């Protein structure tokens, strides 16, 4: 009779240990899936660069912004304001043949 009771307690202990291990595996699996999903949603790294462009007849700050502005700017006015600031411009007048420094963003890392 003692053997039977001892065996019964041993089986219950093994079953409890098995259930705990299964729960731990499920928790680890769920955490790893959550981490994988979080990594998938990370935004791509973007780097800010500047380039020099030559102004052509008919160019305007607006047309330049339409060409070089990327999604990091709230709107075209913010981009134009930054171009004005970088180039120390007080107004909208651009001289054909002159150069202008314009910012842009890229996911490519350049040294």
PDB file of N, CA and C in Angstrom:
ATOM      1  N   UNK A   1       0.817  -1.193   0.000  1.00  0.00           N
ATOM      2  CA  UNK A   1       0.000   0.000   0.000  1.00  0.00           C
ATOM      3  C   UNK A   1       0.865   1.264   0.000  1.00  0.00           C
ATOM      4  N   UNK A   2       1.951   1.272   0.802  1.00  0.00           N
ATOM      5  CA  UNK A   2       2.843   2.425   0.838  1.00  0.00           C
ATOM      6  C   UNK A   2       3.462   2.683  -0.525  1.00  0.00           C
ATOM      7  N   UNK A   3       3.834   1.608  -1.222  1.00  0.00           N
ATOM      8  CA  UNK A   3       4.413   1.755  -2.560  1.00  0.00           C
ATOM      9  C   UNK A   3       3.434   2.399  -3.522  1.00  0.00           C
ATOM     10  N   UNK A   4       2.215   2.004  -3.395  1.00  0.00           N
ATOM     11  CA  UNK A   4       1.176   2.523  -4.278  1.00  0.00           C
ATOM     12  C   UNK A   4       0.973   4.022  -4.046  1.00  0.00           C
ATOM     13  N   UNK A   5       0.902   4.449  -2.792  1.00  0.00           N
ATOM     14  CA  UNK A   5       0.731   5.856  -2.441  1.00  0.00           C
ATOM     15  C   UNK A   5       1.961   6.645  -2.887  1.00  0.00           C
ATOM     16  N   UNK A   6       3.136   6.088  -2.630  1.00  0.00           N
ATOM     17  CA  UNK A   6       4.384   6.745  -3.018  1.00  0.00           C
ATOM     18  C   UNK A   6       4.436   6.913  -4.549  1.00  0.00           C
ATOM     19  N   UNK A   7       4.044   5.851  -5.263  1.00  0.00           N
ATOM     20  CA  UNK A   7       4.018   5.897  -6.740  1.00  0.00           C
ATOM     21  C   UNK A   7       3.007   6.934  -7.229  1.00  0.00           C
ATOM     22  N   UNK A   8       1.870   7.011  -6.578  1.00  0.00           N
ATOM     23  CA  UNK A   8       0.821   7.968  -6.950  1.00  0.00           C
ATOM     24  C   UNK A   8       1.329   9.407  -6.768  1.00  0.00           C
ATOM     25  N   UNK A   9       2.001   9.695  -5.660  1.00  0.00           N
ATOM     26  CA  UNK A   9       2.556  11.027  -5.408  1.00  0.00           C
ATOM     27  C   UNK A   9       3.661  11.357  -6.427  1.00  0.00           C
ATOM     28  N   UNK A  10       4.426  10.353  -6.753  1.00  0.00           N
ATOM     29  CA  UNK A  10       5.504  10.548  -7.731  1.00  0.00           C
ATOM     30  C   UNK A  10       4.937  10.890  -9.107  1.00  0.00           C
ATOM     31  N   UNK A  11       3.906  10.208  -9.523  1.00  0.00           N
ATOM     32  CA  UNK A  11       3.253  10.479 -10.818  1.00  0.00           C
ATOM     33  C   UNK A  11       2.643  11.877 -10.811  1.00  0.00           C
ATOM     34  N   UNK A  12       2.015  12.269  -9.706  1.00  0.00           N
ATOM     35  CA  UNK A  12       1.445  13.614  -9.594  1.00  0.00           C
ATOM     36  C   UNK A  12       2.542  14.669  -9.681  1.00  0.00           C
ATOM     37  N   UNK A  13       3.670  14.408  -9.049  1.00  0.00           N
ATOM     38  CA  UNK A  13       4.802  15.337  -9.099  1.00  0.00           C
ATOM     39  C   UNK A  13       5.360  15.478 -10.502  1.00  0.00           C
ATOM     40  N   UNK A  14       5.487  14.344 -11.193  1.00  0.00           N
ATOM     41  CA  UNK A  14       5.989  14.381 -12.578  1.00  0.00           C
ATOM     42  C   UNK A  14       4.996  15.107 -13.473  1.00  0.00           C
ATOM     43  N   UNK A  15       3.703  14.867 -13.290  1.00  0.00           N
ATOM     44  CA  UNK A  15       2.673  15.537 -14.084  1.00  0.00           C
ATOM     45  C   UNK A  15       2.697  17.042 -13.832  1.00  0.00           C
ATOM     46  N   UNK A  16       2.870  17.440 -12.574  1.00  0.00           N
ATOM     47  CA  UNK A  16       2.933  18.867 -12.249  1.00  0.00           C
ATOM     48  C   UNK A  16       4.160  19.505 -12.879  1.00  0.00           C
ATOM     49  N   UNK A  17       5.290  18.827 -12.808  1.00  0.00           N
ATOM     50  CA  UNK A  17       6.520  19.330 -13.424  1.00  0.00           C
ATOM     51  C   UNK A  17       6.343  19.463 -14.937  1.00  0.00           C
ATOM     52  N   UNK A  18       5.701  18.472 -15.555  1.00  0.00           N
ATOM     53  CA  UNK A  18       5.442  18.504 -16.993  1.00  0.00           C
ATOM     54  C   UNK A  18       4.572  19.707 -17.363  1.00  0.00           C
ATOM     55  N   UNK A  19       3.533  19.962 -16.580  1.00  0.00           N
ATOM     56  CA  UNK A  19       2.653  21.101 -16.841  1.00  0.00           C
ATOM     57  C   UNK A  19       3.397  22.428 -16.689  1.00  0.00           C
ATOM     58  N   UNK A  20       4.254  22.526 -15.689  1.00  0.00           N
ATOM     59  CA  UNK A  20       5.048  23.746 -15.490  1.00  0.00           C
ATOM     60  C   UNK A  20       5.985  23.965 -16.670  1.00  0.00           C
ATOM     61  N   UNK A  21       6.633  22.900 -17.137  1.00  0.00           N
ATOM     62  CA  UNK A  21       7.531  23.010 -18.294  1.00  0.00           C
ATOM     63  C   UNK A  21       6.760  23.428 -19.557  1.00  0.00           C
ATOM     64  N   UNK A  22       5.587  22.839 -19.749  1.00  0.00           N
ATOM     65  CA  UNK A  22       4.762  23.216 -20.911  1.00  0.00           C
ATOM     66  C   UNK A  22       4.372  24.689 -20.844  1.00  0.00           C
ATOM     67  N   UNK A  23       3.987  25.154 -19.674  1.00  0.00           N
ATOM     68  CA  UNK A  23       3.616  26.563 -19.507  1.00  0.00           C
ATOM     69  C   UNK A  23       4.817  27.465 -19.785  1.00  0.00           C
ATOM     70  N   UNK A  24       5.996  27.075 -19.290  1.00  0.00           N
ATOM     71  CA  UNK A  24       7.206  27.877 -19.524  1.00  0.00           C
ATOM     72  C   UNK A  24       7.533  27.942 -21.012  1.00  0.00           C
ATOM     73  N   UNK A  25       7.419  26.826 -21.704  1.00  0.00           N
ATOM     74  CA  UNK A  25       7.683  26.806 -23.149  1.00  0.00           C
ATOM     75  C   UNK A  25       6.694  27.696 -23.884  1.00  0.00           C
ATOM     76  N   UNK A  26       5.428  27.620 -23.525  1.00  0.00           N
ATOM     77  CA  UNK A  26       4.416  28.466 -24.171  1.00  0.00           C
ATOM     78  C   UNK A  26       4.691  29.947 -23.926  1.00  0.00           C
ATOM     79  N   UNK A  27       5.079  30.290 -22.716  1.00  0.00           N
ATOM     80  CA  UNK A  27       5.385  31.691 -22.394  1.00  0.00           C
ATOM     81  C   UNK A  27       6.584  32.163 -23.209  1.00  0.00           C
ATOM     82  N   UNK A  28       7.643  31.360 -23.256  1.00  0.00           N
ATOM     83  CA  UNK A  28       8.831  31.728 -24.044  1.00  0.00           C
ATOM     84  C   UNK A  28       8.491  31.868 -25.523  1.00  0.00           C
ATOM     85  N   UNK A  29       7.667  30.971 -26.030  1.00  0.00           N
ATOM     86  CA  UNK A  29       7.257  31.033 -27.432  1.00  0.00           C
ATOM     87  C   UNK A  29       6.489  32.321 -27.710  1.00  0.00           C
ATOM     88  N   UNK A  30       5.580  32.647 -26.828  1.00  0.00           N
ATOM     89  CA  UNK A  30       4.770  33.864 -27.005  1.00  0.00           C
ATOM     90  C   UNK A  30       5.647  35.125 -26.934  1.00  0.00           C
ATOM     91  N   UNK A  31       6.592  35.158 -26.001  1.00  0.00           N
ATOM     92  CA  UNK A  31       7.488  36.306 -25.874  1.00  0.00           C
ATOM     93  C   UNK A  31       8.356  36.437 -27.125  1.00  0.00           C
ATOM     94  N   UNK A  32       8.860  35.324 -27.642  1.00  0.00           N
ATOM     95  CA  UNK A  32       9.707  35.401 -28.835  1.00  0.00           C
ATOM     96  C   UNK A  32       8.912  35.864 -30.049  1.00  0.00           C
ATOM     97  N   UNK A  33       7.667  35.462 -30.161  1.00  0.00           N
ATOM     98  CA  UNK A  33       6.820  35.933 -31.265  1.00  0.00           C
ATOM     99  C   UNK A  33       6.568  37.432 -31.121  1.00  0.00           C
ATOM    100  N   UNK A  34       6.295  37.884 -29.894  1.00  0.00           N
ATOM    101  CA  UNK A  34       6.062  39.315 -29.666  1.00  0.00           C
ATOM    102  C   UNK A  34       7.300  40.128 -30.025  1.00  0.00           C
ATOM    103  N   UNK A  35       8.482  39.640 -29.639  1.00  0.00           N
ATOM    104  CA  UNK A  35       9.727  40.343 -29.967  1.00  0.00           C
ATOM    105  C   UNK A  35       9.964  40.375 -31.465  1.00  0.00           C
ATOM    106  N   UNK A  36       9.665  39.283 -32.149  1.00  0.00           N
ATOM    107  CA  UNK A  36       9.849  39.241 -33.599  1.00  0.00           C
ATOM    108  C   UNK A  36       8.920  40.241 -34.281  1.00  0.00           C
ATOM    109  N   UNK A  37       7.695  40.328 -33.815  1.00  0.00           N
ATOM    110  CA  UNK A  37       6.751  41.291 -34.393  1.00  0.00           C
ATOM    111  C   UNK A  37       7.200  42.717 -34.129  1.00  0.00           C
ATOM    112  N   UNK A  38       7.715  42.969 -32.939  1.00  0.00           N
ATOM    113  CA  UNK A  38       8.185  44.312 -32.594  1.00  0.00           C
ATOM    114  C   UNK A  38       9.355  44.700 -33.490  1.00  0.00           C
ATOM    115  N   UNK A  39      10.259  43.764 -33.764  1.00  0.00           N
ATOM    116  CA  UNK A  39      11.396  44.050 -34.634  1.00  0.00           C
ATOM    117  C   UNK A  39      10.948  44.325 -36.066  1.00  0.00           C
ATOM    118  N   UNK A  40       9.899  43.638 -36.512  1.00  0.00           N
ATOM    119  CA  UNK A  40       9.383  43.868 -37.862  1.00  0.00           C
ATOM    120  C   UNK A  40       8.830  45.278 -38.010  1.00  0.00           C
ATOM    121  N   UNK A  41       8.322  45.852 -36.935  1.00  0.00           N
ATOM    122  CA  UNK A  41       7.682  47.161 -36.989  1.00  0.00           C
ATOM    123  C   UNK A  41       8.644  48.311 -36.759  1.00  0.00           C
ATOM    124  N   UNK A  42       9.924  48.014 -36.548  1.00  0.00           N
ATOM    125  CA  UNK A  42      10.891  49.085 -36.346  1.00  0.00           C
ATOM    126  C   UNK A  42      11.045  49.879 -37.636  1.00  0.00           C
ATOM    127  N   UNK A  43      11.041  51.187 -37.517  1.00  0.00           N
ATOM    128  CA  UNK A  43      11.213  51.983 -38.737  1.00  0.00           C
ATOM    129  C   UNK A  43      12.640  51.853 -39.261  1.00  0.00           C
ATOM    130  N   UNK A  44      12.744  51.969 -40.566  1.00  0.00           N
ATOM    131  CA  UNK A  44      14.054  51.902 -41.204  1.00  0.00           C
ATOM    132  C   UNK A  44      14.863  53.141 -40.805  1.00  0.00           C
ATOM    133  N   UNK A  45      16.137  52.942 -40.528  1.00  0.00           N
ATOM    134  CA  UNK A  45      17.003  54.070 -40.165  1.00  0.00           C
ATOM    135  C   UNK A  45      17.117  55.021 -41.348  1.00  0.00           C
ATOM    136  N   UNK A  46      17.005  56.303 -41.070  1.00  0.00           N
ATOM    137  CA  UNK A  46      17.120  57.332 -42.112  1.00  0.00           C
ATOM    138  C   UNK A  46      18.217  58.297 -41.701  1.00  0.00           C
ATOM    139  N   UNK A  47      19.016  58.710 -42.662  1.00  0.00           N
ATOM    140  CA  UNK A  47      20.146  59.591 -42.409  1.00  0.00           C
ATOM    141  C   UNK A  47      19.957  60.878 -43.199  1.00  0.00           C
ATOM    142  N   UNK A  48      20.315  61.990 -42.563  1.00  0.00           N
ATOM    143  CA  UNK A  48      20.155  63.292 -43.205  1.00  0.00           C
ATOM    144  C   UNK A  48      21.454  63.672 -43.899  1.00  0.00           C
ATOM    145  N   UNK A  49      21.306  64.104 -45.153  1.00  0.00           N
ATOM    146  CA  UNK A  49      22.447  64.526 -45.954  1.00  0.00           C
ATOM    147  C   UNK A  49      22.135  65.867 -46.605  1.00  0.00           C
ATOM    148  N   UNK A  50      23.170  66.447 -47.175  1.00  0.00           N
ATOM    149  CA  UNK A  50      23.034  67.706 -47.900  1.00  0.00           C
ATOM    150  C   UNK A  50      23.718  67.540 -49.238  1.00  0.00           C
ATOM    151  N   UNK A  51      23.139  68.163 -50.240  1.00  0.00           N
ATOM    152  CA  UNK A  51      23.768  68.150 -51.554  1.00  0.00           C
ATOM    153  C   UNK A  51      23.688  69.546 -52.155  1.00  0.00           C
ATOM    154  N   UNK A  52      24.583  69.819 -53.055  1.00  0.00           N
ATOM    155  CA  UNK A  52      24.616  71.115 -53.729  1.00  0.00           C
ATOM    156  C   UNK A  52      23.993  70.957 -55.106  1.00  0.00           C
ATOM    157  N   UNK A  53      23.093  71.860 -55.436  1.00  0.00           N
ATOM    158  CA  UNK A  53      22.455  71.820 -56.756  1.00  0.00           C
ATOM    159  C   UNK A  53      22.652  73.158 -57.448  1.00  0.00           C
ATOM    160  N   UNK A  54      22.621  73.115 -58.759  1.00  0.00           N
ATOM    161  CA  UNK A  54      22.711  74.353 -59.526  1.00  0.00           C
ATOM    162  C   UNK A  54      21.308  74.821 -59.879  1.00  0.00           C
ATOM    163  N   UNK A  55      21.087  76.105 -59.696  1.00  0.00           N
ATOM    164  CA  UNK A  55      19.787  76.707 -59.990  1.00  0.00           C
ATOM    165  C   UNK A  55      19.685  76.962 -61.495  1.00  0.00           C
ATOM    166  N   UNK A  56      18.576  76.523 -62.075  1.00  0.00           N
ATOM    167  CA  UNK A  56      18.307  76.753 -63.493  1.00  0.00           C
ATOM    168  C   UNK A  56      17.201  77.792 -63.630  1.00  0.00           C
ATOM    169  N   UNK A  57      17.129  78.381 -64.772  1.00  0.00           N
ATOM    170  CA  UNK A  57      16.088  79.370 -65.041  1.00  0.00           C
ATOM    171  C   UNK A  57      14.716  78.721 -64.819  1.00  0.00           C
ATOM    172  N   UNK A  58      13.883  79.385 -64.082  1.00  0.00           N
ATOM    173  CA  UNK A  58      12.541  78.870 -63.799  1.00  0.00           C
ATOM    174  C   UNK A  58      12.445  78.080 -62.503  1.00  0.00           C
ATOM    175  N   UNK A  59      13.595  77.742 -61.895  1.00  0.00           N
ATOM    176  CA  UNK A  59      13.557  77.038 -60.612  1.00  0.00           C
ATOM    177  C   UNK A  59      13.005  77.952 -59.522  1.00  0.00           C
ATOM    178  N   UNK A  60      12.306  77.368 -58.582  1.00  0.00           N
ATOM    179  CA  UNK A  60      11.803  78.099 -57.416  1.00  0.00           C
ATOM    180  C   UNK A  60      12.044  77.227 -56.193  1.00  0.00           C
ATOM    181  N   UNK A  61      11.935  77.836 -55.031  1.00  0.00           N
ATOM    182  CA  UNK A  61      12.083  77.045 -53.815  1.00  0.00           C
ATOM    183  C   UNK A  61      11.017  75.947 -53.752  1.00  0.00           C
ATOM    184  N   UNK A  62       9.863  76.258 -54.249  1.00  0.00           N
ATOM    185  CA  UNK A  62       8.763  75.288 -54.262  1.00  0.00           C
ATOM    186  C   UNK A  62       9.102  74.092 -55.159  1.00  0.00           C
ATOM    187  N   UNK A  63       9.589  74.357 -56.374  1.00  0.00           N
ATOM    188  CA  UNK A  63       9.914  73.256 -57.299  1.00  0.00           C
ATOM    189  C   UNK A  63      11.092  72.428 -56.777  1.00  0.00           C
ATOM    190  N   UNK A  64      12.045  73.087 -56.130  1.00  0.00           N
ATOM    191  CA  UNK A  64      13.179  72.370 -55.545  1.00  0.00           C
ATOM    192  C   UNK A  64      12.685  71.499 -54.393  1.00  0.00           C
ATOM    193  N   UNK A  65      11.796  72.027 -53.570  1.00  0.00           N
ATOM    194  CA  UNK A  65      11.230  71.250 -52.469  1.00  0.00           C
ATOM    195  C   UNK A  65      10.479  70.033 -52.992  1.00  0.00           C
ATOM    196  N   UNK A  66       9.741  70.198 -54.067  1.00  0.00           N
ATOM    197  CA  UNK A  66       9.006  69.067 -54.644  1.00  0.00           C
ATOM    198  C   UNK A  66       9.957  67.974 -55.122  1.00  0.00           C
ATOM    199  N   UNK A  67      11.164  68.353 -55.531  1.00  0.00           N
ATOM    200  CA  UNK A  67      12.138  67.382 -56.028  1.00  0.00           C
ATOM    201  C   UNK A  67      12.909  66.703 -54.888  1.00  0.00           C
ATOM    202  N   UNK A  68      13.339  67.466 -53.896  1.00  0.00           N
ATOM    203  CA  UNK A  68      14.268  66.947 -52.888  1.00  0.00           C
ATOM    204  C   UNK A  68      13.663  66.638 -51.524  1.00  0.00           C
ATOM    205  N   UNK A  69      12.482  67.141 -51.236  1.00  0.00           N
ATOM    206  CA  UNK A  69      11.871  66.945 -49.931  1.00  0.00           C
ATOM    207  C   UNK A  69      11.484  65.473 -49.737  1.00  0.00           C
ATOM    208  N   UNK A  70      11.747  64.952 -48.545  1.00  0.00           N
ATOM    209  CA  UNK A  70      11.355  63.586 -48.205  1.00  0.00           C
ATOM    210  C   UNK A  70      10.319  63.624 -47.082  1.00  0.00           C
ATOM    211  N   UNK A  71       9.792  62.479 -46.738  1.00  0.00           N
ATOM    212  CA  UNK A  71       8.688  62.374 -45.785  1.00  0.00           C
ATOM    213  C   UNK A  71       8.993  62.778 -44.362  1.00  0.00           C
ATOM    214  N   UNK A  72      10.251  63.066 -44.050  1.00  0.00           N
ATOM    215  CA  UNK A  72      10.593  63.475 -42.690  1.00  0.00           C
ATOM    216  C   UNK A  72      10.093  64.864 -42.343  1.00  0.00           C
ATOM    217  N   UNK A  73       9.740  65.640 -43.341  1.00  0.00           N
ATOM    218  CA  UNK A  73       9.262  67.012 -43.112  1.00  0.00           C
ATOM    219  C   UNK A  73       7.751  67.009 -42.964  1.00  0.00           C
ATOM    220  N   UNK A  74       7.256  67.866 -42.064  1.00  0.00           N
ATOM    221  CA  UNK A  74       5.817  67.964 -41.824  1.00  0.00           C
ATOM    222  C   UNK A  74       5.080  68.443 -43.073  1.00  0.00           C
ATOM    223  N   UNK A  75       5.694  69.411 -43.752  1.00  0.00           N
ATOM    224  CA  UNK A  75       5.063  69.959 -44.959  1.00  0.00           C
ATOM    225  C   UNK A  75       6.122  70.669 -45.786  1.00  0.00           C
ATOM    226  N   UNK A  76       5.740  71.111 -46.953  1.00  0.00           N
ATOM    227  CA  UNK A  76       6.672  71.740 -47.885  1.00  0.00           C
ATOM    228  C   UNK A  76       7.207  73.069 -47.349  1.00  0.00           C
ATOM    229  N   UNK A  77       6.414  73.737 -46.539  1.00  0.00           N
ATOM    230  CA  UNK A  77       6.844  75.026 -45.974  1.00  0.00           C
ATOM    231  C   UNK A  77       8.015  74.838 -45.002  1.00  0.00           C
ATOM    232  N   UNK A  78       7.976  73.762 -44.217  1.00  0.00           N
ATOM    233  CA  UNK A  78       9.088  73.474 -43.302  1.00  0.00           C
ATOM    234  C   UNK A  78      10.370  73.218 -44.078  1.00  0.00           C
ATOM    235  N   UNK A  79      10.235  72.493 -45.178  1.00  0.00           N
ATOM    236  CA  UNK A  79      11.412  72.212 -46.003  1.00  0.00           C
ATOM    237  C   UNK A  79      11.976  73.504 -46.604  1.00  0.00           C
ATOM    238  N   UNK A  80      11.106  74.316 -47.160  1.00  0.00           N
ATOM    239  CA  UNK A  80      11.546  75.580 -47.767  1.00  0.00           C
ATOM    240  C   UNK A  80      12.193  76.476 -46.711  1.00  0.00           C
ATOM    241  N   UNK A  81      11.630  76.518 -45.525  1.00  0.00           N
ATOM    242  CA  UNK A  81      12.235  77.314 -44.444  1.00  0.00           C
ATOM    243  C   UNK A  81      13.638  76.824 -44.121  1.00  0.00           C
ATOM    244  N   UNK A  82      13.832  75.517 -44.108  1.00  0.00           N
ATOM    245  CA  UNK A  82      15.166  74.979 -43.825  1.00  0.00           C
ATOM    246  C   UNK A  82      16.143  75.320 -44.949  1.00  0.00           C
ATOM    247  N   UNK A  83      15.709  75.229 -46.190  1.00  0.00           N
ATOM    248  CA  UNK A  83      16.573  75.582 -47.323  1.00  0.00           C
ATOM    249  C   UNK A  83      16.954  77.062 -47.236  1.00  0.00           C
ATOM    250  N   UNK A  84      16.001  77.909 -46.915  1.00  0.00           N
ATOM    251  CA  UNK A  84      16.300  79.344 -46.742  1.00  0.00           C
ATOM    252  C   UNK A  84      17.344  79.553 -45.646  1.00  0.00           C
ATOM    253  N   UNK A  85      17.157  78.875 -44.522  1.00  0.00           N
ATOM    254  CA  UNK A  85      18.062  79.041 -43.386  1.00  0.00           C
ATOM    255  C   UNK A  85      19.474  78.557 -43.739  1.00  0.00           C
ATOM    256  N   UNK A  86      19.579  77.390 -44.330  1.00  0.00           N
ATOM    257  CA  UNK A  86      20.892  76.827 -44.696  1.00  0.00           C
ATOM    258  C   UNK A  86      21.645  77.759 -45.638  1.00  0.00           C
ATOM    259  N   UNK A  87      20.906  78.348 -46.565  1.00  0.00           N
ATOM    260  CA  UNK A  87      21.533  79.166 -47.609  1.00  0.00           C
ATOM    261  C   UNK A  87      21.483  80.666 -47.312  1.00  0.00           C
ATOM    262  N   UNK A  88      21.029  81.047 -46.134  1.00  0.00           N
ATOM    263  CA  UNK A  88      20.956  82.451 -45.709  1.00  0.00           C
ATOM    264  C   UNK A  88      20.157  83.293 -46.706  1.00  0.00           C
ATOM    265  N   UNK A  89      18.991  82.753 -47.088  1.00  0.00           N
ATOM    266  CA  UNK A  89      18.110  83.469 -48.016  1.00  0.00           C
ATOM    267  C   UNK A  89      17.036  84.209 -47.230  1.00  0.00           C
ATOM    268  N   UNK A  90      16.774  85.439 -47.620  1.00  0.00           N
ATOM    269  CA  UNK A  90      15.728  86.224 -46.968  1.00  0.00           C
ATOM    270  C   UNK A  90      14.393  86.123 -47.687  1.00  0.00           C
ATOM    271  N   UNK A  91      14.439  85.828 -48.976  1.00  0.00           N
ATOM    272  CA  UNK A  91      13.204  85.790 -49.759  1.00  0.00           C
ATOM    273  C   UNK A  91      13.151  84.539 -50.622  1.00  0.00           C
ATOM    274  N   UNK A  92      12.381  84.656 -51.706  1.00  0.00           N
ATOM    275  CA  UNK A  92      12.178  83.518 -52.591  1.00  0.00           C
ATOM    276  C   UNK A  92      13.007  83.598 -53.875  1.00  0.00           C
ATOM    277  N   UNK A  93      13.713  84.697 -54.072  1.00  0.00           N
ATOM    278  CA  UNK A  93      14.429  84.906 -55.329  1.00  0.00           C
ATOM    279  C   UNK A  93      15.645  83.979 -55.420  1.00  0.00           C
ATOM    280  N   UNK A  94      15.748  83.282 -56.567  1.00  0.00           N
ATOM    281  CA  UNK A  94      16.892  82.417 -56.844  1.00  0.00           C
ATOM    282  C   UNK A  94      17.547  82.880 -58.138  1.00  0.00           C
ATOM    283  N   UNK A  95      18.846  82.954 -58.149  1.00  0.00           N
ATOM    284  CA  UNK A  95      19.616  83.401 -59.314  1.00  0.00           C
ATOM    285  C   UNK A  95      20.023  82.175 -60.142  1.00  0.00           C
ATOM    286  N   UNK A  96      19.572  82.131 -61.402  1.00  0.00           N
ATOM    287  CA  UNK A  96      19.962  81.039 -62.295  1.00  0.00           C
ATOM    288  C   UNK A  96      21.481  80.989 -62.387  1.00  0.00           C
ATOM    289  N   UNK A  97      22.039  79.780 -62.324  1.00  0.00           N
ATOM    290  CA  UNK A  97      23.484  79.598 -62.389  1.00  0.00           C
ATOM    291  C   UNK A  97      24.141  79.514 -61.022  1.00  0.00           C
ATOM    292  N   UNK A  98      23.463  79.990 -59.987  1.00  0.00           N
ATOM    293  CA  UNK A  98      24.048  79.914 -58.645  1.00  0.00           C
ATOM    294  C   UNK A  98      23.805  78.517 -58.068  1.00  0.00           C
ATOM    295  N   UNK A  99      24.454  78.260 -56.956  1.00  0.00           N
ATOM    296  CA  UNK A  99      24.325  76.950 -56.291  1.00  0.00           C
ATOM    297  C   UNK A  99      23.509  77.106 -55.018  1.00  0.00           C
ATOM    298  N   UNK A 100      22.857  76.014 -54.642  1.00  0.00           N
ATOM    299  CA  UNK A 100      22.014  75.993 -53.454  1.00  0.00           C
ATOM    300  C   UNK A 100      22.276  74.683 -52.724  1.00  0.00           C
ATOM    301  N   UNK A 101      22.397  74.742 -51.429  1.00  0.00           N
ATOM    302  CA  UNK A 101      22.559  73.548 -50.599  1.00  0.00           C
ATOM    303  C   UNK A 101      21.167  73.105 -50.167  1.00  0.00           C
ATOM    304  N   UNK A 102      20.841  71.826 -50.412  1.00  0.00           N
ATOM    305  CA  UNK A 102      19.521  71.310 -50.043  1.00  0.00           C
ATOM    306  C   UNK A 102      19.671  70.033 -49.207  1.00  0.00           C
ATOM    307  N   UNK A 103      18.819  69.882 -48.193  1.00  0.00           N
ATOM    308  CA  UNK A 103      18.852  68.670 -47.373  1.00  0.00           C
ATOM    309  C   UNK A 103      17.981  67.573 -47.980  1.00  0.00           C
ATOM    310  N   UNK A 104      18.337  66.343 -47.654  1.00  0.00           N
ATOM    311  CA  UNK A 104      17.505  65.201 -48.027  1.00  0.00           C
ATOM    312  C   UNK A 104      17.821  64.057 -47.075  1.00  0.00           C
ATOM    313  N   UNK A 105      16.923  63.112 -46.980  1.00  0.00           N
ATOM    314  CA  UNK A 105      17.115  61.940 -46.130  1.00  0.00           C
ATOM    315  C   UNK A 105      17.215  60.707 -47.015  1.00  0.00           C
ATOM    316  N   UNK A 106      17.983  59.731 -46.522  1.00  0.00           N
ATOM    317  CA  UNK A 106      18.148  58.478 -47.245  1.00  0.00           C
ATOM    318  C   UNK A 106      18.317  57.351 -46.238  1.00  0.00           C
ATOM    319  N   UNK A 107      17.908  56.151 -46.622  1.00  0.00           N
ATOM    320  CA  UNK A 107      18.145  54.984 -45.766  1.00  0.00           C
ATOM    321  C   UNK A 107      19.545  54.443 -45.983  1.00  0.00           C
ATOM    322  N   UNK A 108      20.214  54.899 -47.010  1.00  0.00           N
ATOM    323  CA  UNK A 108      21.581  54.474 -47.287  1.00  0.00           C
ATOM    324  C   UNK A 108      22.558  55.236 -46.395  1.00  0.00           C
ATOM    325  N   UNK A 109      23.425  54.498 -45.712  1.00  0.00           N
ATOM    326  CA  UNK A 109      24.424  55.140 -44.859  1.00  0.00           C
ATOM    327  C   UNK A 109      25.633  55.459 -45.721  1.00  0.00           C
ATOM    328  N   UNK A 110      25.975  56.729 -45.795  1.00  0.00           N
ATOM    329  CA  UNK A 110      27.109  57.165 -46.611  1.00  0.00           C
ATOM    330  C   UNK A 110      28.182  57.701 -45.680  1.00  0.00           C
ATOM    331  N   UNK A 111      29.422  57.370 -45.982  1.00  0.00           N
ATOM    332  CA  UNK A 111      30.538  57.855 -45.167  1.00  0.00           C
ATOM    333  C   UNK A 111      31.074  59.127 -45.734  1.00  0.00           C
TER     334      UNK A 111
END
